[in-house]
Amino acid sequence: MTFHTSTAPHLFQELVDERIRGLQREAAEHRLASRVVNANKARKRAARATAALQAALSRL
């Protein structure tokens, strides 16, 4: 397989563009995973706060 000199820069640019798209996808997945983790932590904090409030109210 031979490449013409005018084709090589185009192929290289396609590889660079695909790598950038891949990194952007990974970053988006990371942001989503981080939001899920933060939502789970917030849910647990809310559950603990609800339990503490119920316990305090039951002592009244």
Protein backbone atom coordinates (compact mmCIF):
# COMPACT_ATOMS: atom_id res chain seq x y z
CA MET A 1 0.00 0.00 0.00
CA THR A 2 1.42 3.36 -0.98
CA PHE A 3 0.33 6.79 0.11
CA HIS A 4 0.51 9.89 -1.95
CA THR A 5 2.12 12.84 -0.27
CA SER A 6 -1.13 14.78 -0.39
CA THR A 7 -3.04 11.94 1.32
CA ALA A 8 -0.77 11.52 4.35
CA PRO A 9 -1.57 14.89 6.01
CA HIS A 10 -5.28 14.23 5.49
CA LEU A 11 -5.05 10.80 7.13
CA PHE A 12 -3.01 12.22 9.98
CA GLN A 13 -5.61 14.95 10.52
CA GLU A 14 -8.37 12.31 10.57
CA LEU A 15 -6.48 10.38 13.26
CA VAL A 16 -5.98 13.55 15.31
CA ASP A 17 -9.67 14.45 14.96
CA GLU A 18 -10.75 10.95 16.00
CA ARG A 19 -8.45 11.08 19.04
CA ILE A 20 -9.93 14.45 20.04
CA ARG A 21 -13.46 13.07 19.67
CA GLY A 22 -12.47 10.06 21.78
CA LEU A 23 -11.05 12.27 24.51
CA GLN A 24 -14.18 14.42 24.44
CA ARG A 25 -16.35 11.31 24.82
CA GLU A 26 -14.22 10.11 27.74
CA ALA A 27 -14.47 13.52 29.41
CA ALA A 28 -18.26 13.53 28.99
CA GLU A 29 -18.48 10.01 30.46
CA HIS A 30 -16.30 11.10 33.38
CA ARG A 31 -18.49 14.15 34.04
CA LEU A 32 -21.60 11.97 33.98
CA ALA A 33 -20.07 9.40 36.33
CA SER A 34 -19.00 12.20 38.68
CA ARG A 35 -22.55 13.62 38.72
CA VAL A 36 -23.96 10.17 39.51
CA VAL A 37 -21.51 9.73 42.39
CA ASN A 38 -22.33 13.19 43.74
CA ALA A 39 -26.07 12.52 43.48
CA ASN A 40 -25.67 9.25 45.39
CA LYS A 41 -23.69 11.00 48.12
CA ALA A 42 -26.35 13.72 48.37
CA ARG A 43 -29.08 11.07 48.57
CA LYS A 44 -27.26 9.35 51.44
CA ARG A 45 -26.77 12.68 53.26
CA ALA A 46 -30.47 13.47 52.84
CA ALA A 47 -31.43 10.04 54.19
CA ARG A 48 -29.18 10.53 57.23
CA ALA A 49 -30.61 14.01 57.81
CA THR A 50 -34.17 12.66 57.55
CA ALA A 51 -33.37 9.89 60.04
CA ALA A 52 -31.81 12.38 62.45
CA LEU A 53 -34.81 14.69 62.14
CA GLN A 54 -37.24 11.84 62.75
CA ALA A 55 -35.25 10.76 65.80
CA ALA A 56 -35.23 14.31 67.15
CA LEU A 57 -38.97 14.70 66.57
CA SER A 58 -39.72 11.40 68.28
CA ARG A 59 -37.96 12.65 71.41
CA LEU A 60 -40.29 15.67 71.69
